[in-house]
Amino acid sequence: MTATDGLDALNLFNRHAENIQAVITDVNMPRRDGLSVIEALHLTKLCIPCIVTSGQLDTAKVKQDCDARGAIFLPKPFTIEQVSRVLRGALGGSQNSTDLVIADSDHISAVESDRLCSVEKLSEMS
């Protein structure tokens, strides 16, 4: 699921919490920043793994803010291999555990053993 902003992320989570195993968010989002989204999510579902991305120059401050909220910091830019490794770790899997499918509203990516195997445009899959 892809949210358009922080408030949309919370609304999506509240409607689909039972199907969400982890959250990846950016620090800077409109209407509600990623760190406050994580705080709100942890009030609802305490054990949801959260990964926070940021391209800010002060990565030490962002990492400190993430640590204080029990979130994992993933600085930008990152590769599909890096995000799949961090996501596997957040979900408690080993580095070579089950494959992942990472999707957003425009693309679906299959990641196998930390290698990007395919990226399909959803519009081309019909």
C-alpha atoms as a PDB file:
ATOM      1  CA  MET A   1       0.000   0.000   0.000  1.00  0.00           C
ATOM      2  CA  THR A   2       1.195   3.472  -0.754  1.00  0.00           C
ATOM      3  CA  ALA A   3       0.070   6.535   1.171  1.00  0.00           C
ATOM      4  CA  THR A   4       0.081  10.035  -0.260  1.00  0.00           C
ATOM      5  CA  ASP A   5       0.985  11.705   3.050  1.00  0.00           C
ATOM      6  CA  GLY A   6       1.281  11.043   6.777  1.00  0.00           C
ATOM      7  CA  LEU A   7      -2.433  11.283   7.545  1.00  0.00           C
ATOM      8  CA  ASP A   8      -3.242   8.975   4.640  1.00  0.00           C
ATOM      9  CA  ALA A   9      -0.670   6.515   6.008  1.00  0.00           C
ATOM     10  CA  LEU A  10      -2.419   6.439   9.382  1.00  0.00           C
ATOM     11  CA  ASN A  11      -5.834   6.036   7.761  1.00  0.00           C
ATOM     12  CA  LEU A  12      -4.571   3.165   5.578  1.00  0.00           C
ATOM     13  CA  PHE A  13      -2.983   1.520   8.589  1.00  0.00           C
ATOM     14  CA  ASN A  14      -6.144   1.817  10.665  1.00  0.00           C
ATOM     15  CA  ARG A  15      -8.197   0.207   7.878  1.00  0.00           C
ATOM     16  CA  HIS A  16      -5.705  -2.579   7.049  1.00  0.00           C
ATOM     17  CA  ALA A  17      -3.629  -3.118  10.224  1.00  0.00           C
ATOM     18  CA  GLU A  18      -4.186  -6.880  10.283  1.00  0.00           C
ATOM     19  CA  ASN A  19      -2.578  -7.200   6.824  1.00  0.00           C
ATOM     20  CA  ILE A  20       0.428  -4.925   7.410  1.00  0.00           C
ATOM     21  CA  GLN A  21       3.656  -6.538   8.633  1.00  0.00           C
ATOM     22  CA  ALA A  22       6.001  -3.532   8.377  1.00  0.00           C
ATOM     23  CA  VAL A  23       5.946   0.164   7.540  1.00  0.00           C
ATOM     24  CA  ILE A  24       8.458   2.088   5.431  1.00  0.00           C
ATOM     25  CA  THR A  25       8.143   5.856   5.621  1.00  0.00           C
ATOM     26  CA  ASP A  26      10.086   8.986   4.837  1.00  0.00           C
ATOM     27  CA  VAL A  27      10.907  11.544   7.522  1.00  0.00           C
ATOM     28  CA  ASN A  28       9.533  14.412   5.426  1.00  0.00           C
ATOM     29  CA  MET A  29       5.933  13.922   4.381  1.00  0.00           C
ATOM     30  CA  PRO A  30       3.072  16.374   3.979  1.00  0.00           C
ATOM     31  CA  ARG A  31       0.385  16.742   6.662  1.00  0.00           C
ATOM     32  CA  ARG A  32       2.220  14.565   9.206  1.00  0.00           C
ATOM     33  CA  ASP A  33       5.934  13.683   9.251  1.00  0.00           C
ATOM     34  CA  GLY A  34       7.168  10.099   9.273  1.00  0.00           C
ATOM     35  CA  LEU A  35       8.408  10.153  12.862  1.00  0.00           C
ATOM     36  CA  SER A  36       5.045  11.265  14.242  1.00  0.00           C
ATOM     37  CA  VAL A  37       3.351   8.621  12.066  1.00  0.00           C
ATOM     38  CA  ILE A  38       5.541   5.981  13.719  1.00  0.00           C
ATOM     39  CA  GLU A  39       4.659   7.277  17.182  1.00  0.00           C
ATOM     40  CA  ALA A  40       0.955   7.004  16.347  1.00  0.00           C
ATOM     41  CA  LEU A  41       1.377   3.522  14.838  1.00  0.00           C
ATOM     42  CA  HIS A  42       3.163   2.273  17.937  1.00  0.00           C
ATOM     43  CA  LEU A  43       0.224   3.423  20.055  1.00  0.00           C
ATOM     44  CA  THR A  44      -2.006   1.187  17.927  1.00  0.00           C
ATOM     45  CA  LYS A  45       0.252  -1.789  17.197  1.00  0.00           C
ATOM     46  CA  LEU A  46       3.295  -1.756  19.432  1.00  0.00           C
ATOM     47  CA  CYS A  47       5.341  -4.407  17.648  1.00  0.00           C
ATOM     48  CA  ILE A  48       5.058  -3.209  14.022  1.00  0.00           C
ATOM     49  CA  PRO A  49       8.553  -2.882  12.493  1.00  0.00           C
ATOM     50  CA  CYS A  50       9.123   0.608  11.078  1.00  0.00           C
ATOM     51  CA  ILE A  51      11.819   1.690   8.640  1.00  0.00           C
ATOM     52  CA  VAL A  52      12.432   5.399   8.163  1.00  0.00           C
ATOM     53  CA  THR A  53      14.175   6.798   5.098  1.00  0.00           C
ATOM     54  CA  SER A  54      15.646  10.258   4.687  1.00  0.00           C
ATOM     55  CA  GLY A  55      17.911  12.188   2.396  1.00  0.00           C
ATOM     56  CA  GLN A  56      18.578  14.866   5.011  1.00  0.00           C
ATOM     57  CA  LEU A  57      22.161  15.908   5.533  1.00  0.00           C
ATOM     58  CA  ASP A  58      21.984  15.528   9.326  1.00  0.00           C
ATOM     59  CA  THR A  59      21.718  11.722   9.319  1.00  0.00           C
ATOM     60  CA  ALA A  60      23.014  11.475  12.901  1.00  0.00           C
ATOM     61  CA  LYS A  61      20.011  13.475  14.160  1.00  0.00           C
ATOM     62  CA  VAL A  62      17.541  11.416  12.093  1.00  0.00           C
ATOM     63  CA  LYS A  63      19.132   8.167  13.301  1.00  0.00           C
ATOM     64  CA  GLN A  64      18.897   9.380  16.909  1.00  0.00           C
ATOM     65  CA  ASP A  65      15.208  10.259  16.387  1.00  0.00           C
ATOM     66  CA  CYS A  66      14.566   6.813  14.862  1.00  0.00           C
ATOM     67  CA  ASP A  67      16.388   5.023  17.686  1.00  0.00           C
ATOM     68  CA  ALA A  68      14.289   6.917  20.243  1.00  0.00           C
ATOM     69  CA  ARG A  69      11.145   5.611  18.536  1.00  0.00           C
ATOM     70  CA  GLY A  70      12.329   2.040  18.005  1.00  0.00           C
ATOM     71  CA  ALA A  71      12.556   2.507  14.232  1.00  0.00           C
ATOM     72  CA  ILE A  72      15.265   1.471  11.787  1.00  0.00           C
ATOM     73  CA  PHE A  73      16.965   4.253   9.826  1.00  0.00           C
ATOM     74  CA  LEU A  74      17.772   3.703   6.141  1.00  0.00           C
ATOM     75  CA  PRO A  75      19.555   6.712   4.607  1.00  0.00           C
ATOM     76  CA  LYS A  76      18.918   7.701   0.994  1.00  0.00           C
ATOM     77  CA  PRO A  77      19.945   6.855  -1.592  1.00  0.00           C
ATOM     78  CA  PHE A  78      19.554   3.110  -1.159  1.00  0.00           C
ATOM     79  CA  THR A  79      19.343   0.149  -3.499  1.00  0.00           C
ATOM     80  CA  ILE A  80      16.586  -2.437  -3.730  1.00  0.00           C
ATOM     81  CA  GLU A  81      19.065  -4.905  -2.231  1.00  0.00           C
ATOM     82  CA  GLN A  82      19.644  -2.669   0.791  1.00  0.00           C
ATOM     83  CA  VAL A  83      15.958  -2.079   1.467  1.00  0.00           C
ATOM     84  CA  SER A  84      15.179  -5.796   1.075  1.00  0.00           C
ATOM     85  CA  ARG A  85      17.966  -6.683   3.529  1.00  0.00           C
ATOM     86  CA  VAL A  86      16.746  -4.128   6.081  1.00  0.00           C
ATOM     87  CA  LEU A  87      13.142  -5.236   5.631  1.00  0.00           C
ATOM     88  CA  ARG A  88      14.063  -8.898   6.108  1.00  0.00           C
ATOM     89  CA  GLY A  89      15.931  -8.012   9.277  1.00  0.00           C
ATOM     90  CA  ALA A  90      13.016  -5.939  10.559  1.00  0.00           C
ATOM     91  CA  LEU A  91      10.686  -8.874   9.977  1.00  0.00           C
ATOM     92  CA  GLY A  92      13.011 -11.180  11.904  1.00  0.00           C
ATOM     93  CA  GLY A  93      14.184 -13.198   8.916  1.00  0.00           C
ATOM     94  CA  SER A  94      17.689 -14.197   7.982  1.00  0.00           C
ATOM     95  CA  GLN A  95      19.556 -12.423   5.232  1.00  0.00           C
ATOM     96  CA  ASN A  96      18.639 -15.201   2.794  1.00  0.00           C
ATOM     97  CA  SER A  97      15.153 -15.991   4.025  1.00  0.00           C
ATOM     98  CA  THR A  98      12.028 -16.046   1.921  1.00  0.00           C
ATOM     99  CA  ASP A  99      11.770 -13.862  -1.122  1.00  0.00           C
ATOM    100  CA  LEU A 100      10.069 -10.497  -0.943  1.00  0.00           C
ATOM    101  CA  VAL A 101       7.644  -8.744  -3.185  1.00  0.00           C
ATOM    102  CA  ILE A 102       7.838  -4.975  -2.885  1.00  0.00           C
ATOM    103  CA  ALA A 103       4.997  -3.086  -4.515  1.00  0.00           C
ATOM    104  CA  ASP A 104       3.734   0.428  -4.877  1.00  0.00           C
ATOM    105  CA  SER A 105       0.948   1.898  -6.960  1.00  0.00           C
ATOM    106  CA  ASP A 106       2.968   1.787 -10.201  1.00  0.00           C
ATOM    107  CA  HIS A 107       5.448  -1.086  -9.941  1.00  0.00           C
ATOM    108  CA  ILE A 108       5.913  -4.510  -8.442  1.00  0.00           C
ATOM    109  CA  SER A 109       9.410  -5.838  -7.777  1.00  0.00           C
ATOM    110  CA  ALA A 110      10.446  -9.382  -7.005  1.00  0.00           C
ATOM    111  CA  VAL A 111      13.529  -9.692  -4.824  1.00  0.00           C
ATOM    112  CA  GLU A 112      15.198 -13.060  -4.552  1.00  0.00           C
ATOM    113  CA  SER A 113      18.223 -13.515  -2.284  1.00  0.00           C
ATOM    114  CA  ASP A 114      18.807  -9.750  -2.212  1.00  0.00           C
ATOM    115  CA  ARG A 115      18.862  -9.523  -6.019  1.00  0.00           C
ATOM    116  CA  LEU A 116      16.270  -7.629  -7.977  1.00  0.00           C
ATOM    117  CA  CYS A 117      14.803 -10.247 -10.290  1.00  0.00           C
ATOM    118  CA  SER A 118      12.074  -8.311 -12.020  1.00  0.00           C
ATOM    119  CA  VAL A 119      10.287  -5.012 -12.071  1.00  0.00           C
ATOM    120  CA  GLU A 120       6.943  -4.937 -13.802  1.00  0.00           C
ATOM    121  CA  LYS A 121       4.881  -1.872 -14.536  1.00  0.00           C
ATOM    122  CA  LEU A 122       1.429  -2.735 -13.289  1.00  0.00           C
ATOM    123  CA  SER A 123      -0.099  -1.126 -16.377  1.00  0.00           C
ATOM    124  CA  GLU A 124       1.806  -3.639 -18.534  1.00  0.00           C
ATOM    125  CA  MET A 125       0.746  -6.695 -16.496  1.00  0.00           C
ATOM    126  CA  SER A 126      -2.932  -6.705 -17.480  1.00  0.00           C
END
